PDB file of all heavy atoms in Angstrom:
ATOM      1  N   ILE A   1      12.693 -14.274  -7.609  1.00  0.00           N
ATOM      2  CA  ILE A   1      11.918 -13.021  -7.896  1.00  0.00           C
ATOM      3  C   ILE A   1      10.974 -12.645  -6.791  1.00  0.00           C
ATOM      4  O   ILE A   1      10.821 -11.444  -6.493  1.00  0.00           O
ATOM      5  CB  ILE A   1      11.050 -13.160  -9.279  1.00  0.00           C
ATOM      6  CG1 ILE A   1      11.982 -13.295 -10.331  1.00  0.00           C
ATOM      7  CG2 ILE A   1      10.099 -12.041  -9.459  1.00  0.00           C
ATOM      8  CD1 ILE A   1      11.321 -13.754 -11.718  1.00  0.00           C
ATOM      9  N   ASP A   2      10.422 -13.629  -6.058  1.00  0.00           N
ATOM     10  CA  ASP A   2       9.525 -13.423  -4.931  1.00  0.00           C
ATOM     11  C   ASP A   2      10.289 -13.008  -3.663  1.00  0.00           C
ATOM     12  O   ASP A   2       9.791 -12.280  -2.883  1.00  0.00           O
ATOM     13  CB  ASP A   2       8.730 -14.648  -4.624  1.00  0.00           C
ATOM     14  CG  ASP A   2       7.580 -14.831  -5.510  1.00  0.00           C
ATOM     15  OD1 ASP A   2       7.064 -13.859  -6.025  1.00  0.00           O
ATOM     16  OD2 ASP A   2       7.133 -15.971  -5.812  1.00  0.00           O
ATOM     17  N   ARG A   3      11.651 -13.236  -3.684  1.00  0.00           N
ATOM     18  CA  ARG A   3      12.460 -12.996  -2.457  1.00  0.00           C
ATOM     19  C   ARG A   3      13.220 -11.705  -2.669  1.00  0.00           C
ATOM     20  O   ARG A   3      13.489 -10.943  -1.807  1.00  0.00           O
ATOM     21  CB  ARG A   3      13.431 -14.103  -2.208  1.00  0.00           C
ATOM     22  CG  ARG A   3      12.744 -15.324  -1.760  1.00  0.00           C
ATOM     23  CD  ARG A   3      13.875 -16.454  -1.431  1.00  0.00           C
ATOM     24  NE  ARG A   3      13.259 -17.686  -1.003  1.00  0.00           N
ATOM     25  CZ  ARG A   3      13.963 -18.722  -0.559  1.00  0.00           C
ATOM     26  NH1 ARG A   3      15.226 -18.519  -0.193  1.00  0.00           N
ATOM     27  NH2 ARG A   3      13.327 -19.810  -0.262  1.00  0.00           N
ATOM     28  N   TYR A   4      13.842 -11.556  -3.972  1.00  0.00           N
ATOM     29  CA  TYR A   4      14.783 -10.392  -4.181  1.00  0.00           C
ATOM     30  C   TYR A   4      14.393  -9.506  -5.432  1.00  0.00           C
ATOM     31  O   TYR A   4      13.716 -10.050  -6.301  1.00  0.00           O
ATOM     32  CB  TYR A   4      16.149 -10.987  -4.433  1.00  0.00           C
ATOM     33  CG  TYR A   4      16.625 -11.958  -3.446  1.00  0.00           C
ATOM     34  CD1 TYR A   4      16.711 -13.380  -3.738  1.00  0.00           C
ATOM     35  CD2 TYR A   4      16.867 -11.612  -2.044  1.00  0.00           C
ATOM     36  CE1 TYR A   4      17.151 -14.305  -2.803  1.00  0.00           C
ATOM     37  CE2 TYR A   4      17.309 -12.516  -1.181  1.00  0.00           C
ATOM     38  CZ  TYR A   4      17.438 -13.932  -1.499  1.00  0.00           C
ATOM     39  OH  TYR A   4      17.833 -14.741  -0.547  1.00  0.00           O
ATOM     40  N   THR A   5      14.896  -8.387  -5.418  1.00  0.00           N
ATOM     41  CA  THR A   5      14.785  -7.612  -6.616  1.00  0.00           C
ATOM     42  C   THR A   5      16.173  -6.805  -6.814  1.00  0.00           C
ATOM     43  O   THR A   5      16.622  -6.379  -5.856  1.00  0.00           O
ATOM     44  CB  THR A   5      13.689  -6.496  -6.560  1.00  0.00           C
ATOM     45  OG1 THR A   5      13.658  -5.819  -7.699  1.00  0.00           O
ATOM     46  CG2 THR A   5      13.870  -5.571  -5.318  1.00  0.00           C
ATOM     47  N   PRO A   6      16.579  -6.710  -8.030  1.00  0.00           N
ATOM     48  CA  PRO A   6      17.922  -6.067  -8.382  1.00  0.00           C
ATOM     49  C   PRO A   6      17.951  -4.635  -7.929  1.00  0.00           C
ATOM     50  O   PRO A   6      19.073  -3.986  -7.829  1.00  0.00           O
ATOM     51  CB  PRO A   6      18.198  -6.347  -9.861  1.00  0.00           C
ATOM     52  CG  PRO A   6      17.239  -7.598 -10.154  1.00  0.00           C
ATOM     53  CD  PRO A   6      16.015  -7.383  -9.278  1.00  0.00           C
ATOM     54  N   GLU A   7      16.768  -3.990  -7.908  1.00  0.00           N
ATOM     55  CA  GLU A   7      16.696  -2.596  -7.646  1.00  0.00           C
ATOM     56  C   GLU A   7      15.625  -2.316  -6.778  1.00  0.00           C
ATOM     57  O   GLU A   7      14.674  -3.213  -6.619  1.00  0.00           O
ATOM     58  CB  GLU A   7      16.434  -1.774  -9.076  1.00  0.00           C
ATOM     59  CG  GLU A   7      17.553  -1.894  -9.999  1.00  0.00           C
ATOM     60  CD  GLU A   7      17.226  -1.211 -11.296  1.00  0.00           C
ATOM     61  OE1 GLU A   7      16.134  -0.740 -11.466  1.00  0.00           O
ATOM     62  OE2 GLU A   7      18.064  -0.950 -12.145  1.00  0.00           O
ATOM     63  N   LYS A   8      15.640  -1.164  -6.093  1.00  0.00           N
ATOM     64  CA  LYS A   8      14.488  -0.760  -5.190  1.00  0.00           C
ATOM     65  C   LYS A   8      13.289  -0.356  -6.064  1.00  0.00           C
ATOM     66  O   LYS A   8      13.433   0.185  -7.183  1.00  0.00           O
ATOM     67  CB  LYS A   8      14.846   0.407  -4.352  1.00  0.00           C
ATOM     68  CG  LYS A   8      16.044   0.102  -3.178  1.00  0.00           C
ATOM     69  CD  LYS A   8      16.216   1.404  -2.337  1.00  0.00           C
ATOM     70  CE  LYS A   8      17.288   0.923  -1.396  1.00  0.00           C
ATOM     71  NZ  LYS A   8      17.524   2.102  -0.413  1.00  0.00           N
ATOM     72  N   GLY A   9      12.119  -0.774  -5.468  1.00  0.00           N
ATOM     73  CA  GLY A   9      10.879  -0.313  -6.234  1.00  0.00           C
ATOM     74  C   GLY A   9      10.245  -1.453  -6.936  1.00  0.00           C
ATOM     75  O   GLY A   9       9.773  -2.438  -6.262  1.00  0.00           O
ATOM     76  N   ASP A  10      10.258  -1.545  -8.169  1.00  0.00           N
ATOM     77  CA  ASP A  10       9.577  -2.454  -8.985  1.00  0.00           C
ATOM     78  C   ASP A  10      10.128  -3.916  -8.685  1.00  0.00           C
ATOM     79  O   ASP A  10      11.299  -4.146  -8.607  1.00  0.00           O
ATOM     80  CB  ASP A  10       9.596  -2.231 -10.488  1.00  0.00           C
ATOM     81  CG  ASP A  10       8.800  -0.920 -10.793  1.00  0.00           C
ATOM     82  OD1 ASP A  10       7.751  -0.648 -10.336  1.00  0.00           O
ATOM     83  OD2 ASP A  10       9.435  -0.125 -11.677  1.00  0.00           O
ATOM     84  N   LYS A  11       9.120  -4.899  -8.756  1.00  0.00           N
ATOM     85  CA  LYS A  11       9.549  -6.295  -8.589  1.00  0.00           C
ATOM     86  C   LYS A  11       9.990  -7.034  -9.788  1.00  0.00           C
ATOM     87  O   LYS A  11      10.920  -7.853  -9.584  1.00  0.00           O
ATOM     88  CB  LYS A  11       8.281  -6.916  -7.908  1.00  0.00           C
ATOM     89  CG  LYS A  11       8.550  -8.455  -7.556  1.00  0.00           C
ATOM     90  CD  LYS A  11       7.284  -8.951  -6.890  1.00  0.00           C
ATOM     91  CE  LYS A  11       7.575 -10.443  -6.447  1.00  0.00           C
ATOM     92  NZ  LYS A  11       6.209 -11.055  -5.839  1.00  0.00           N
ATOM     93  N   PHE A  12       9.425  -6.746 -10.926  1.00  0.00           N
ATOM     94  CA  PHE A  12       9.755  -7.545 -12.146  1.00  0.00           C
ATOM     95  C   PHE A  12      10.593  -6.849 -13.090  1.00  0.00           C
ATOM     96  O   PHE A  12      11.389  -7.554 -13.839  1.00  0.00           O
ATOM     97  CB  PHE A  12       8.396  -8.035 -12.681  1.00  0.00           C
ATOM     98  CG  PHE A  12       7.520  -8.733 -11.821  1.00  0.00           C
ATOM     99  CD1 PHE A  12       6.279  -8.386 -11.304  1.00  0.00           C
ATOM    100  CD2 PHE A  12       7.966 -10.080 -11.295  1.00  0.00           C
ATOM    101  CE1 PHE A  12       5.438  -9.097 -10.436  1.00  0.00           C
ATOM    102  CE2 PHE A  12       7.136 -10.871 -10.411  1.00  0.00           C
ATOM    103  CZ  PHE A  12       6.023 -10.299 -10.077  1.00  0.00           C
ATOM    104  N   LYS A  13      10.409  -5.558 -13.316  1.00  0.00           N
ATOM    105  CA  LYS A  13      10.927  -4.853 -14.413  1.00  0.00           C
ATOM    106  C   LYS A  13      12.513  -4.929 -14.454  1.00  0.00           C
ATOM    107  O   LYS A  13      13.061  -5.094 -15.492  1.00  0.00           O
ATOM    108  CB  LYS A  13      10.535  -3.411 -14.529  1.00  0.00           C
ATOM    109  CG  LYS A  13       9.132  -3.313 -15.026  1.00  0.00           C
ATOM    110  CD  LYS A  13       8.386  -1.887 -14.672  1.00  0.00           C
ATOM    111  CE  LYS A  13       9.256  -0.733 -14.946  1.00  0.00           C
ATOM    112  NZ  LYS A  13       8.605   0.512 -14.717  1.00  0.00           N
ATOM    113  N   PRO A  14      13.128  -4.815 -13.336  1.00  0.00           N
ATOM    114  CA  PRO A  14      14.674  -4.889 -13.278  1.00  0.00           C
ATOM    115  C   PRO A  14      15.168  -6.259 -13.846  1.00  0.00           C
ATOM    116  O   PRO A  14      16.224  -6.230 -14.517  1.00  0.00           O
ATOM    117  CB  PRO A  14      15.057  -4.747 -11.803  1.00  0.00           C
ATOM    118  CG  PRO A  14      13.888  -4.027 -11.229  1.00  0.00           C
ATOM    119  CD  PRO A  14      12.696  -4.585 -11.844  1.00  0.00           C
ATOM    120  N   TRP A  15      14.511  -7.385 -13.514  1.00  0.00           N
ATOM    121  CA  TRP A  15      14.956  -8.692 -14.086  1.00  0.00           C
ATOM    122  C   TRP A  15      14.922  -8.586 -15.716  1.00  0.00           C
ATOM    123  O   TRP A  15      15.691  -9.215 -16.291  1.00  0.00           O
ATOM    124  CB  TRP A  15      14.041  -9.800 -13.558  1.00  0.00           C
ATOM    125  CG  TRP A  15      14.281 -10.068 -12.098  1.00  0.00           C
ATOM    126  CD1 TRP A  15      13.535  -9.347 -11.083  1.00  0.00           C
ATOM    127  CD2 TRP A  15      15.081 -10.915 -11.486  1.00  0.00           C
ATOM    128  NE1 TRP A  15      13.919  -9.928  -9.845  1.00  0.00           N
ATOM    129  CE2 TRP A  15      14.991 -10.799 -10.105  1.00  0.00           C
ATOM    130  CE3 TRP A  15      16.070 -11.756 -11.972  1.00  0.00           C
ATOM    131  CZ2 TRP A  15      15.705 -11.531  -9.193  1.00  0.00           C
ATOM    132  CZ3 TRP A  15      16.792 -12.577 -11.099  1.00  0.00           C
ATOM    133  CH2 TRP A  15      16.643 -12.440  -9.708  1.00  0.00           C
ATOM    134  N   ILE A  16      13.872  -8.024 -16.169  1.00  0.00           N
ATOM    135  CA  ILE A  16      13.687  -7.974 -17.588  1.00  0.00           C
ATOM    136  C   ILE A  16      14.802  -7.076 -18.242  1.00  0.00           C
ATOM    137  O   ILE A  16      15.439  -7.347 -19.283  1.00  0.00           O
ATOM    138  CB  ILE A  16      12.308  -7.458 -18.009  1.00  0.00           C
ATOM    139  CG1 ILE A  16      11.218  -8.400 -17.425  1.00  0.00           C
ATOM    140  CG2 ILE A  16      12.057  -7.375 -19.567  1.00  0.00           C
ATOM    141  CD1 ILE A  16       9.882  -7.806 -17.564  1.00  0.00           C
ATOM    142  N   LYS A  17      15.034  -5.836 -17.581  1.00  0.00           N
ATOM    143  CA  LYS A  17      15.960  -4.952 -18.090  1.00  0.00           C
ATOM    144  C   LYS A  17      17.430  -5.598 -18.202  1.00  0.00           C
ATOM    145  O   LYS A  17      18.023  -5.394 -19.294  1.00  0.00           O
ATOM    146  CB  LYS A  17      16.060  -3.738 -17.092  1.00  0.00           C
ATOM    147  CG  LYS A  17      17.112  -2.678 -17.701  1.00  0.00           C
ATOM    148  CD  LYS A  17      16.868  -1.339 -16.863  1.00  0.00           C
ATOM    149  CE  LYS A  17      17.204  -1.463 -15.431  1.00  0.00           C
ATOM    150  NZ  LYS A  17      17.165  -0.216 -14.671  1.00  0.00           N
ATOM    151  N   TYR A  18      17.885  -6.262 -17.209  1.00  0.00           N
ATOM    152  CA  TYR A  18      19.157  -6.694 -17.265  1.00  0.00           C
ATOM    153  C   TYR A  18      19.227  -8.156 -17.996  1.00  0.00           C
ATOM    154  O   TYR A  18      20.140  -8.418 -18.780  1.00  0.00           O
ATOM    155  CB  TYR A  18      19.820  -6.924 -15.834  1.00  0.00           C
ATOM    156  CG  TYR A  18      19.845  -5.527 -15.116  1.00  0.00           C
ATOM    157  CD1 TYR A  18      19.218  -5.362 -13.937  1.00  0.00           C
ATOM    158  CD2 TYR A  18      20.687  -4.585 -15.548  1.00  0.00           C
ATOM    159  CE1 TYR A  18      19.267  -4.192 -13.207  1.00  0.00           C
ATOM    160  CE2 TYR A  18      20.795  -3.451 -14.880  1.00  0.00           C
ATOM    161  CZ  TYR A  18      20.087  -3.206 -13.712  1.00  0.00           C
ATOM    162  OH  TYR A  18      20.200  -2.057 -13.158  1.00  0.00           O
ATOM    163  N   GLY A  19      18.278  -8.893 -17.810  1.00  0.00           N
ATOM    164  CA  GLY A  19      18.146 -10.288 -18.440  1.00  0.00           C
ATOM    165  C   GLY A  19      18.125 -10.248 -20.003  1.00  0.00           C
ATOM    166  O   GLY A  19      18.580 -11.095 -20.658  1.00  0.00           O
ATOM    167  N   GLY A  20      17.375  -9.181 -20.503  1.00  0.00           N
ATOM    168  CA  GLY A  20      17.200  -9.055 -21.808  1.00  0.00           C
ATOM    169  C   GLY A  20      18.477  -8.901 -22.679  1.00  0.00           C
ATOM    170  O   GLY A  20      18.543  -9.416 -23.755  1.00  0.00           O
ATOM    171  N   ILE A  21      19.502  -8.263 -22.161  1.00  0.00           N
ATOM    172  CA  ILE A  21      20.742  -8.102 -22.782  1.00  0.00           C
ATOM    173  C   ILE A  21      21.420  -9.414 -22.933  1.00  0.00           C
ATOM    174  O   ILE A  21      21.972  -9.707 -24.047  1.00  0.00           O
ATOM    175  CB  ILE A  21      21.671  -7.060 -21.973  1.00  0.00           C
ATOM    176  CG1 ILE A  21      20.886  -5.655 -21.932  1.00  0.00           C
ATOM    177  CG2 ILE A  21      23.035  -7.003 -22.600  1.00  0.00           C
ATOM    178  CD1 ILE A  21      21.619  -4.692 -21.069  1.00  0.00           C
ATOM    179  N   VAL A  22      21.434 -10.192 -21.833  1.00  0.00           N
ATOM    180  CA  VAL A  22      22.170 -11.483 -21.859  1.00  0.00           C
ATOM    181  C   VAL A  22      21.441 -12.472 -22.713  1.00  0.00           C
ATOM    182  O   VAL A  22      22.072 -13.298 -23.416  1.00  0.00           O
ATOM    183  CB  VAL A  22      22.201 -12.061 -20.421  1.00  0.00           C
ATOM    184  CG1 VAL A  22      23.038 -13.340 -20.455  1.00  0.00           C
ATOM    185  CG2 VAL A  22      22.824 -11.098 -19.527  1.00  0.00           C
ATOM    186  N   LEU A  23      19.983 -12.286 -22.824  1.00  0.00           N
ATOM    187  CA  LEU A  23      19.272 -13.237 -23.717  1.00  0.00           C
ATOM    188  C   LEU A  23      19.621 -12.937 -25.236  1.00  0.00           C
ATOM    189  O   LEU A  23      19.697 -13.966 -25.926  1.00  0.00           O
ATOM    190  CB  LEU A  23      17.805 -13.023 -23.393  1.00  0.00           C
ATOM    191  CG  LEU A  23      16.857 -13.798 -24.373  1.00  0.00           C
ATOM    192  CD1 LEU A  23      17.009 -15.281 -24.252  1.00  0.00           C
ATOM    193  CD2 LEU A  23      15.388 -13.304 -24.171  1.00  0.00           C
ATOM    194  N   ALA A  24      19.751 -11.702 -25.492  1.00  0.00           N
ATOM    195  CA  ALA A  24      20.298 -11.399 -26.889  1.00  0.00           C
ATOM    196  C   ALA A  24      21.462 -12.116 -27.357  1.00  0.00           C
ATOM    197  O   ALA A  24      21.690 -12.551 -28.417  1.00  0.00           O
ATOM    198  CB  ALA A  24      20.300  -9.878 -27.139  1.00  0.00           C
ATOM    199  N   PHE A  25      22.468 -12.004 -26.432  1.00  0.00           N
ATOM    200  CA  PHE A  25      23.803 -12.671 -26.607  1.00  0.00           C
ATOM    201  C   PHE A  25      23.531 -14.228 -26.750  1.00  0.00           C
ATOM    202  O   PHE A  25      24.193 -14.787 -27.599  1.00  0.00           O
ATOM    203  CB  PHE A  25      24.771 -12.273 -25.455  1.00  0.00           C
ATOM    204  CG  PHE A  25      26.052 -13.095 -25.514  1.00  0.00           C
ATOM    205  CD1 PHE A  25      27.039 -12.816 -26.379  1.00  0.00           C
ATOM    206  CD2 PHE A  25      26.223 -14.143 -24.620  1.00  0.00           C
ATOM    207  CE1 PHE A  25      28.218 -13.482 -26.340  1.00  0.00           C
ATOM    208  CE2 PHE A  25      27.365 -14.909 -24.658  1.00  0.00           C
ATOM    209  CZ  PHE A  25      28.350 -14.602 -25.527  1.00  0.00           C
ATOM    210  N   ALA A  26      22.806 -14.757 -25.855  1.00  0.00           N
ATOM    211  CA  ALA A  26      22.596 -16.185 -25.849  1.00  0.00           C
ATOM    212  C   ALA A  26      22.004 -16.692 -27.173  1.00  0.00           C
ATOM    213  O   ALA A  26      22.401 -17.836 -27.627  1.00  0.00           O
ATOM    214  CB  ALA A  26      21.814 -16.577 -24.616  1.00  0.00           C
ATOM    215  N   SER A  27      21.048 -15.949 -27.717  1.00  0.00           N
ATOM    216  CA  SER A  27      20.414 -16.276 -28.947  1.00  0.00           C
ATOM    217  C   SER A  27      21.473 -16.385 -30.165  1.00  0.00           C
ATOM    218  O   SER A  27      21.442 -17.394 -30.963  1.00  0.00           O
ATOM    219  CB  SER A  27      19.311 -15.316 -29.315  1.00  0.00           C
ATOM    220  OG  SER A  27      18.341 -15.347 -28.312  1.00  0.00           O
TER     221      SER A  27
END
């Protein structure tokens, strides 16, 4: 997270956006 971001701009929100979908499946 400190090195990369999936999208330009925000540092943290893109990780939540994409990771949340996978988390729901894993549950």
